[in-house]
Amino acid sequence: MAPKRPARRPEPTLDVERLVETAAIPKRTIRFGRDTVVFAQGGQANAVFYIQSGGVKLSVLSSSGKEAVVAMLGPGDFFGEGCLAGQPLRMGSATAVVPTTVLRIPKRDMSSALHERPEFSDRFIAHMLGRNIRIEEDLVDQLFNSSEKRLARTLLLLARYGKEGAAHRTLPKLSQETLAEMIGTTRSRVNFFMNKFRKLGFIEYNGSLKINDSLLSIVLHD
């Protein structure tokens, strides 16, 4: 059983577009198709990315060829920030799991904005600390919870449950293989639980995947 954690307040949204425009930070909007690599492990770390829409998987590949999913990110998340701490090469890969739009901000321009714009710096740091806490919780979840609970929690996170300003709980359709990679189980187990969740009314399929708040009962159940 996973250690009990206190309920967290909804995370405040970071109006990146407004802050980036105010700080006059050069950026480029890039669109990636499903399963397209945003950057690869070992590549040059020279930019920070911000997700406007879609979803990105962060993963690491071992020398034996085994992939481990480190985090799953969605709209409002930054990634690739290791370059700001002196990381010359990417330690992992970032892949779009659904059609995704990101802002690419060059390292030099991001560093300048963080030094020269206190408001932007404060909000960015708070945002990244919150994301790191979530990744730590993901690790605890992976270590202690059943695959059913891990799947339910992952679906809720992908649907931005608990996020301030999240108006809906609908996801683009994700493959069961991707979900299995994310929670460390098999596709057959994911298929079994997804069918169970649908029969119980926790999720709905209709071209896209709708996550109902009632799915939280799976996560909270001991």
C-alpha atoms as a PDB file:
ATOM      1  CA  MET A   1       0.000   0.000   0.000  1.00  0.00           C
ATOM      2  CA  ALA A   2       1.324   3.421  -0.942  1.00  0.00           C
ATOM      3  CA  PRO A   3       1.978   5.948   1.847  1.00  0.00           C
ATOM      4  CA  LYS A   4      -0.971   8.262   2.482  1.00  0.00           C
ATOM      5  CA  ARG A   5      -0.543  11.720   0.996  1.00  0.00           C
ATOM      6  CA  PRO A   6      -2.594  14.778   1.900  1.00  0.00           C
ATOM      7  CA  ALA A   7      -4.935  16.070  -0.777  1.00  0.00           C
ATOM      8  CA  ARG A   8      -3.284  18.789  -2.820  1.00  0.00           C
ATOM      9  CA  ARG A   9      -4.869  22.024  -3.915  1.00  0.00           C
ATOM     10  CA  PRO A  10      -5.284  22.554  -7.652  1.00  0.00           C
ATOM     11  CA  GLU A  11      -2.019  23.692  -9.193  1.00  0.00           C
ATOM     12  CA  PRO A  12      -2.091  27.314 -10.367  1.00  0.00           C
ATOM     13  CA  THR A  13      -1.823  27.763 -14.106  1.00  0.00           C
ATOM     14  CA  LEU A  14       1.163  29.555 -15.563  1.00  0.00           C
ATOM     15  CA  ASP A  15       0.183  31.978 -18.334  1.00  0.00           C
ATOM     16  CA  VAL A  16       3.315  31.263 -20.312  1.00  0.00           C
ATOM     17  CA  GLU A  17       2.155  32.893 -23.526  1.00  0.00           C
ATOM     18  CA  ARG A  18       1.502  36.192 -21.738  1.00  0.00           C
ATOM     19  CA  LEU A  19       4.775  36.074 -19.789  1.00  0.00           C
ATOM     20  CA  VAL A  20       6.782  35.124 -22.859  1.00  0.00           C
ATOM     21  CA  GLU A  21       5.249  37.973 -24.836  1.00  0.00           C
ATOM     22  CA  THR A  22       5.826  40.443 -21.980  1.00  0.00           C
ATOM     23  CA  ALA A  23       9.441  39.368 -21.653  1.00  0.00           C
ATOM     24  CA  ALA A  24       9.886  39.528 -25.448  1.00  0.00           C
ATOM     25  CA  ILE A  25      11.407  36.044 -25.455  1.00  0.00           C
ATOM     26  CA  PRO A  26      12.122  34.674 -28.941  1.00  0.00           C
ATOM     27  CA  LYS A  27      10.294  31.405 -29.470  1.00  0.00           C
ATOM     28  CA  ARG A  28       9.045  29.149 -32.219  1.00  0.00           C
ATOM     29  CA  THR A  29       5.809  27.192 -32.375  1.00  0.00           C
ATOM     30  CA  ILE A  30       6.306  23.607 -33.575  1.00  0.00           C
ATOM     31  CA  ARG A  31       3.720  20.898 -34.238  1.00  0.00           C
ATOM     32  CA  PHE A  32       4.532  17.212 -33.832  1.00  0.00           C
ATOM     33  CA  GLY A  33       2.502  14.229 -34.973  1.00  0.00           C
ATOM     34  CA  ARG A  34       1.744  11.205 -32.844  1.00  0.00           C
ATOM     35  CA  ASP A  35       4.892   9.192 -31.927  1.00  0.00           C
ATOM     36  CA  THR A  36       7.187  11.913 -33.290  1.00  0.00           C
ATOM     37  CA  VAL A  37      10.434  12.505 -31.394  1.00  0.00           C
ATOM     38  CA  VAL A  38      10.769  16.063 -30.060  1.00  0.00           C
ATOM     39  CA  PHE A  39      14.369  15.430 -29.004  1.00  0.00           C
ATOM     40  CA  ALA A  40      16.413  12.257 -28.656  1.00  0.00           C
ATOM     41  CA  GLN A  41      18.587  10.930 -25.867  1.00  0.00           C
ATOM     42  CA  GLY A  42      22.169  12.054 -26.429  1.00  0.00           C
ATOM     43  CA  GLY A  43      21.160  15.002 -28.591  1.00  0.00           C
ATOM     44  CA  GLN A  44      22.355  18.538 -27.979  1.00  0.00           C
ATOM     45  CA  ALA A  45      20.521  20.264 -25.124  1.00  0.00           C
ATOM     46  CA  ASN A  46      20.026  23.796 -26.420  1.00  0.00           C
ATOM     47  CA  ALA A  47      16.379  24.726 -25.820  1.00  0.00           C
ATOM     48  CA  VAL A  48      13.475  24.574 -23.381  1.00  0.00           C
ATOM     49  CA  PHE A  49      10.015  23.483 -24.526  1.00  0.00           C
ATOM     50  CA  TYR A  50       6.514  24.383 -23.366  1.00  0.00           C
ATOM     51  CA  ILE A  51       3.466  22.286 -24.275  1.00  0.00           C
ATOM     52  CA  GLN A  52       0.530  24.262 -25.641  1.00  0.00           C
ATOM     53  CA  SER A  53      -1.587  21.228 -26.554  1.00  0.00           C
ATOM     54  CA  GLY A  54      -1.219  17.452 -26.699  1.00  0.00           C
ATOM     55  CA  GLY A  55       1.059  15.280 -24.612  1.00  0.00           C
ATOM     56  CA  VAL A  56       4.729  14.351 -24.378  1.00  0.00           C
ATOM     57  CA  LYS A  57       6.382  11.247 -22.952  1.00  0.00           C
ATOM     58  CA  LEU A  58       9.811  11.567 -21.330  1.00  0.00           C
ATOM     59  CA  SER A  59      11.758   8.310 -21.422  1.00  0.00           C
ATOM     60  CA  VAL A  60      15.245   6.893 -20.954  1.00  0.00           C
ATOM     61  CA  LEU A  61      16.778   4.039 -22.949  1.00  0.00           C
ATOM     62  CA  SER A  62      19.223   1.691 -21.231  1.00  0.00           C
ATOM     63  CA  SER A  63      22.357   0.312 -22.877  1.00  0.00           C
ATOM     64  CA  SER A  64      20.504  -2.996 -23.307  1.00  0.00           C
ATOM     65  CA  GLY A  65      17.704  -1.265 -25.218  1.00  0.00           C
ATOM     66  CA  LYS A  66      15.074  -1.256 -22.473  1.00  0.00           C
ATOM     67  CA  GLU A  67      12.952   1.890 -22.281  1.00  0.00           C
ATOM     68  CA  ALA A  68      11.696   3.396 -19.029  1.00  0.00           C
ATOM     69  CA  VAL A  69       9.036   6.121 -19.025  1.00  0.00           C
ATOM     70  CA  VAL A  70      10.107   8.872 -16.633  1.00  0.00           C
ATOM     71  CA  ALA A  71       7.133  11.224 -16.926  1.00  0.00           C
ATOM     72  CA  MET A  72       4.059  12.014 -18.967  1.00  0.00           C
ATOM     73  CA  LEU A  73       3.468  15.741 -19.543  1.00  0.00           C
ATOM     74  CA  GLY A  74       0.565  17.734 -20.932  1.00  0.00           C
ATOM     75  CA  PRO A  75      -0.555  21.289 -21.742  1.00  0.00           C
ATOM     76  CA  GLY A  76       1.043  23.846 -19.444  1.00  0.00           C
ATOM     77  CA  ASP A  77       4.179  21.801 -18.761  1.00  0.00           C
ATOM     78  CA  PHE A  78       7.788  22.701 -19.541  1.00  0.00           C
ATOM     79  CA  PHE A  79      10.410  20.113 -20.445  1.00  0.00           C
ATOM     80  CA  GLY A  80      14.013  20.089 -21.605  1.00  0.00           C
ATOM     81  CA  GLU A  81      14.983  22.499 -18.817  1.00  0.00           C
ATOM     82  CA  GLY A  82      18.131  20.485 -17.993  1.00  0.00           C
ATOM     83  CA  CYS A  83      20.031  22.660 -20.467  1.00  0.00           C
ATOM     84  CA  LEU A  84      19.590  25.599 -18.072  1.00  0.00           C
ATOM     85  CA  ALA A  85      21.594  23.721 -15.416  1.00  0.00           C
ATOM     86  CA  GLY A  86      24.541  23.059 -17.733  1.00  0.00           C
ATOM     87  CA  GLN A  87      23.367  19.760 -19.218  1.00  0.00           C
ATOM     88  CA  PRO A  88      25.159  19.596 -22.617  1.00  0.00           C
ATOM     89  CA  LEU A  89      23.355  16.501 -23.931  1.00  0.00           C
ATOM     90  CA  ARG A  90      19.840  15.177 -23.439  1.00  0.00           C
ATOM     91  CA  MET A  91      19.740  12.457 -20.771  1.00  0.00           C
ATOM     92  CA  GLY A  92      16.502  11.085 -22.190  1.00  0.00           C
ATOM     93  CA  SER A  93      14.083  11.385 -25.085  1.00  0.00           C
ATOM     94  CA  ALA A  94      10.857  13.352 -25.456  1.00  0.00           C
ATOM     95  CA  THR A  95       8.166  11.922 -27.734  1.00  0.00           C
ATOM     96  CA  ALA A  96       4.715  13.244 -28.646  1.00  0.00           C
ATOM     97  CA  VAL A  97       2.146  10.576 -27.762  1.00  0.00           C
ATOM     98  CA  VAL A  98      -0.676  12.472 -29.506  1.00  0.00           C
ATOM     99  CA  PRO A  99      -0.624  15.385 -32.002  1.00  0.00           C
ATOM    100  CA  THR A 100       1.170  18.062 -29.989  1.00  0.00           C
ATOM    101  CA  THR A 101       2.021  21.750 -30.274  1.00  0.00           C
ATOM    102  CA  VAL A 102       4.962  23.183 -28.323  1.00  0.00           C
ATOM    103  CA  LEU A 103       6.834  26.440 -27.940  1.00  0.00           C
ATOM    104  CA  ARG A 104      10.591  26.073 -28.426  1.00  0.00           C
ATOM    105  CA  ILE A 105      12.595  28.674 -26.503  1.00  0.00           C
ATOM    106  CA  PRO A 106      16.370  28.765 -27.133  1.00  0.00           C
ATOM    107  CA  LYS A 107      18.509  28.215 -24.045  1.00  0.00           C
ATOM    108  CA  ARG A 108      20.231  31.611 -24.260  1.00  0.00           C
ATOM    109  CA  ASP A 109      16.947  33.517 -24.479  1.00  0.00           C
ATOM    110  CA  MET A 110      15.357  31.501 -21.672  1.00  0.00           C
ATOM    111  CA  SER A 111      18.362  32.102 -19.408  1.00  0.00           C
ATOM    112  CA  SER A 112      18.272  35.846 -20.114  1.00  0.00           C
ATOM    113  CA  ALA A 113      14.563  36.053 -19.324  1.00  0.00           C
ATOM    114  CA  LEU A 114      15.007  34.184 -16.043  1.00  0.00           C
ATOM    115  CA  HIS A 115      17.767  36.590 -14.989  1.00  0.00           C
ATOM    116  CA  GLU A 116      16.097  39.780 -16.164  1.00  0.00           C
ATOM    117  CA  ARG A 117      12.406  39.144 -15.472  1.00  0.00           C
ATOM    118  CA  PRO A 118      11.754  38.362 -11.758  1.00  0.00           C
ATOM    119  CA  GLU A 119       8.050  37.622 -12.316  1.00  0.00           C
ATOM    120  CA  PHE A 120       8.798  35.122 -15.044  1.00  0.00           C
ATOM    121  CA  SER A 121      11.608  33.564 -12.989  1.00  0.00           C
ATOM    122  CA  ASP A 122       9.465  33.175  -9.862  1.00  0.00           C
ATOM    123  CA  ARG A 123       6.566  31.591 -11.725  1.00  0.00           C
ATOM    124  CA  PHE A 124       8.822  29.289 -13.732  1.00  0.00           C
ATOM    125  CA  ILE A 125      10.626  28.031 -10.604  1.00  0.00           C
ATOM    126  CA  ALA A 126       7.343  27.451  -8.758  1.00  0.00           C
ATOM    127  CA  HIS A 127       5.967  25.613 -11.765  1.00  0.00           C
ATOM    128  CA  MET A 128       9.023  23.344 -12.085  1.00  0.00           C
ATOM    129  CA  LEU A 129       9.054  22.545  -8.354  1.00  0.00           C
ATOM    130  CA  GLY A 130       5.414  21.519  -8.590  1.00  0.00           C
ATOM    131  CA  ARG A 131       6.176  19.288 -11.569  1.00  0.00           C
ATOM    132  CA  ASN A 132       9.095  17.648  -9.749  1.00  0.00           C
ATOM    133  CA  ILE A 133       6.833  16.885  -6.789  1.00  0.00           C
ATOM    134  CA  ARG A 134       4.409  15.215  -9.175  1.00  0.00           C
ATOM    135  CA  ILE A 135       7.191  13.107 -10.691  1.00  0.00           C
ATOM    136  CA  GLU A 136       8.244  12.004  -7.188  1.00  0.00           C
ATOM    137  CA  GLU A 137       4.645  10.982  -6.541  1.00  0.00           C
ATOM    138  CA  ASP A 138       4.705   9.043  -9.811  1.00  0.00           C
ATOM    139  CA  LEU A 139       7.712   7.100  -8.515  1.00  0.00           C
ATOM    140  CA  VAL A 140       5.952   6.288  -5.235  1.00  0.00           C
ATOM    141  CA  ASP A 141       2.911   5.229  -7.248  1.00  0.00           C
ATOM    142  CA  GLN A 142       5.071   2.944  -9.408  1.00  0.00           C
ATOM    143  CA  LEU A 143       6.734   1.345  -6.387  1.00  0.00           C
ATOM    144  CA  PHE A 144       3.743   0.742  -4.155  1.00  0.00           C
ATOM    145  CA  ASN A 145       0.438   0.744  -6.043  1.00  0.00           C
ATOM    146  CA  SER A 146      -1.253  -1.915  -8.155  1.00  0.00           C
ATOM    147  CA  SER A 147      -1.301  -1.598 -11.937  1.00  0.00           C
ATOM    148  CA  GLU A 148      -5.037  -0.815 -11.755  1.00  0.00           C
ATOM    149  CA  LYS A 149      -4.436   2.169  -9.462  1.00  0.00           C
ATOM    150  CA  ARG A 150      -1.464   3.308 -11.536  1.00  0.00           C
ATOM    151  CA  LEU A 151      -3.593   3.283 -14.687  1.00  0.00           C
ATOM    152  CA  ALA A 152      -6.429   5.205 -13.024  1.00  0.00           C
ATOM    153  CA  ARG A 153      -4.037   7.821 -11.644  1.00  0.00           C
ATOM    154  CA  THR A 154      -2.277   8.184 -15.001  1.00  0.00           C
ATOM    155  CA  LEU A 155      -5.574   8.730 -16.832  1.00  0.00           C
ATOM    156  CA  LEU A 156      -6.610  11.379 -14.291  1.00  0.00           C
ATOM    157  CA  LEU A 157      -3.260  13.163 -14.653  1.00  0.00           C
ATOM    158  CA  LEU A 158      -3.495  13.085 -18.439  1.00  0.00           C
ATOM    159  CA  ALA A 159      -6.974  14.590 -18.144  1.00  0.00           C
ATOM    160  CA  ARG A 160      -5.475  17.385 -16.001  1.00  0.00           C
ATOM    161  CA  TYR A 161      -7.565  16.409 -12.970  1.00  0.00           C
ATOM    162  CA  GLY A 162      -7.049  18.957 -10.192  1.00  0.00           C
ATOM    163  CA  LYS A 163      -5.638  21.569 -12.554  1.00  0.00           C
ATOM    164  CA  GLU A 164      -7.035  25.049 -12.155  1.00  0.00           C
ATOM    165  CA  GLY A 165      -8.918  26.045 -15.270  1.00  0.00           C
ATOM    166  CA  ALA A 166      -9.247  22.482 -16.613  1.00  0.00           C
ATOM    167  CA  ALA A 167     -12.625  22.752 -18.331  1.00  0.00           C
ATOM    168  CA  HIS A 168     -13.029  19.163 -19.443  1.00  0.00           C
ATOM    169  CA  ARG A 169     -11.687  15.674 -19.016  1.00  0.00           C
ATOM    170  CA  THR A 170     -11.416  14.529 -22.631  1.00  0.00           C
ATOM    171  CA  LEU A 171      -8.252  13.022 -24.092  1.00  0.00           C
ATOM    172  CA  PRO A 172      -7.191  12.219 -27.625  1.00  0.00           C
ATOM    173  CA  LYS A 173      -7.207   8.459 -28.010  1.00  0.00           C
ATOM    174  CA  LEU A 174      -4.019   6.898 -26.622  1.00  0.00           C
ATOM    175  CA  SER A 175      -2.833   3.449 -27.603  1.00  0.00           C
ATOM    176  CA  GLN A 176      -2.977   0.790 -24.920  1.00  0.00           C
ATOM    177  CA  GLU A 177       0.685   0.029 -25.656  1.00  0.00           C
ATOM    178  CA  THR A 178       1.593   3.599 -24.665  1.00  0.00           C
ATOM    179  CA  LEU A 179      -0.452   3.378 -21.468  1.00  0.00           C
ATOM    180  CA  ALA A 180       1.189   0.044 -20.643  1.00  0.00           C
ATOM    181  CA  GLU A 181       4.662   1.598 -21.047  1.00  0.00           C
ATOM    182  CA  MET A 182       3.711   4.500 -18.841  1.00  0.00           C
ATOM    183  CA  ILE A 183       2.561   2.390 -15.896  1.00  0.00           C
ATOM    184  CA  GLY A 184       4.945  -0.533 -16.276  1.00  0.00           C
ATOM    185  CA  THR A 185       2.561  -3.352 -17.141  1.00  0.00           C
ATOM    186  CA  THR A 186       1.321  -5.320 -20.148  1.00  0.00           C
ATOM    187  CA  ARG A 187      -1.116  -4.264 -22.848  1.00  0.00           C
ATOM    188  CA  SER A 188      -3.475  -7.106 -21.885  1.00  0.00           C
ATOM    189  CA  ARG A 189      -3.695  -5.793 -18.309  1.00  0.00           C
ATOM    190  CA  VAL A 190      -4.405  -2.280 -19.564  1.00  0.00           C
ATOM    191  CA  ASN A 191      -7.122  -3.647 -21.856  1.00  0.00           C
ATOM    192  CA  PHE A 192      -8.697  -5.542 -18.941  1.00  0.00           C
ATOM    193  CA  PHE A 193      -8.783  -2.479 -16.668  1.00  0.00           C
ATOM    194  CA  MET A 194      -9.955  -0.096 -19.400  1.00  0.00           C
ATOM    195  CA  ASN A 195     -12.924  -2.392 -20.110  1.00  0.00           C
ATOM    196  CA  LYS A 196     -13.622  -2.556 -16.383  1.00  0.00           C
ATOM    197  CA  PHE A 197     -13.495   1.240 -16.027  1.00  0.00           C
ATOM    198  CA  ARG A 198     -15.860   1.644 -18.977  1.00  0.00           C
ATOM    199  CA  LYS A 199     -18.396  -0.849 -17.602  1.00  0.00           C
ATOM    200  CA  LEU A 200     -18.351   0.979 -14.260  1.00  0.00           C
ATOM    201  CA  GLY A 201     -18.932   4.327 -15.991  1.00  0.00           C
ATOM    202  CA  PHE A 202     -15.552   5.776 -14.998  1.00  0.00           C
ATOM    203  CA  ILE A 203     -14.502   6.397 -18.617  1.00  0.00           C
ATOM    204  CA  GLU A 204     -16.274   6.727 -21.976  1.00  0.00           C
ATOM    205  CA  TYR A 205     -15.150   5.995 -25.542  1.00  0.00           C
ATOM    206  CA  ASN A 206     -16.570   8.057 -28.382  1.00  0.00           C
ATOM    207  CA  GLY A 207     -13.782   8.757 -30.853  1.00  0.00           C
ATOM    208  CA  SER A 208     -11.891  10.283 -27.947  1.00  0.00           C
ATOM    209  CA  LEU A 209     -11.473   9.176 -24.361  1.00  0.00           C
ATOM    210  CA  LYS A 210     -13.543  10.925 -21.673  1.00  0.00           C
ATOM    211  CA  ILE A 211     -12.362  10.589 -18.081  1.00  0.00           C
ATOM    212  CA  ASN A 212     -15.069  10.980 -15.447  1.00  0.00           C
ATOM    213  CA  ASP A 213     -14.168  12.289 -11.991  1.00  0.00           C
ATOM    214  CA  SER A 214     -15.598   9.092 -10.486  1.00  0.00           C
ATOM    215  CA  LEU A 215     -12.419   7.316 -11.637  1.00  0.00           C
ATOM    216  CA  LEU A 216     -10.770   8.895  -8.593  1.00  0.00           C
ATOM    217  CA  SER A 217     -12.517   6.258  -6.454  1.00  0.00           C
ATOM    218  CA  ILE A 218     -10.111   3.641  -7.845  1.00  0.00           C
ATOM    219  CA  VAL A 219      -7.119   5.696  -6.704  1.00  0.00           C
ATOM    220  CA  LEU A 220      -8.566   6.359  -3.254  1.00  0.00           C
ATOM    221  CA  HIS A 221      -9.729   2.802  -2.626  1.00  0.00           C
ATOM    222  CA  ASP A 222      -7.499   0.827  -0.223  1.00  0.00           C
END
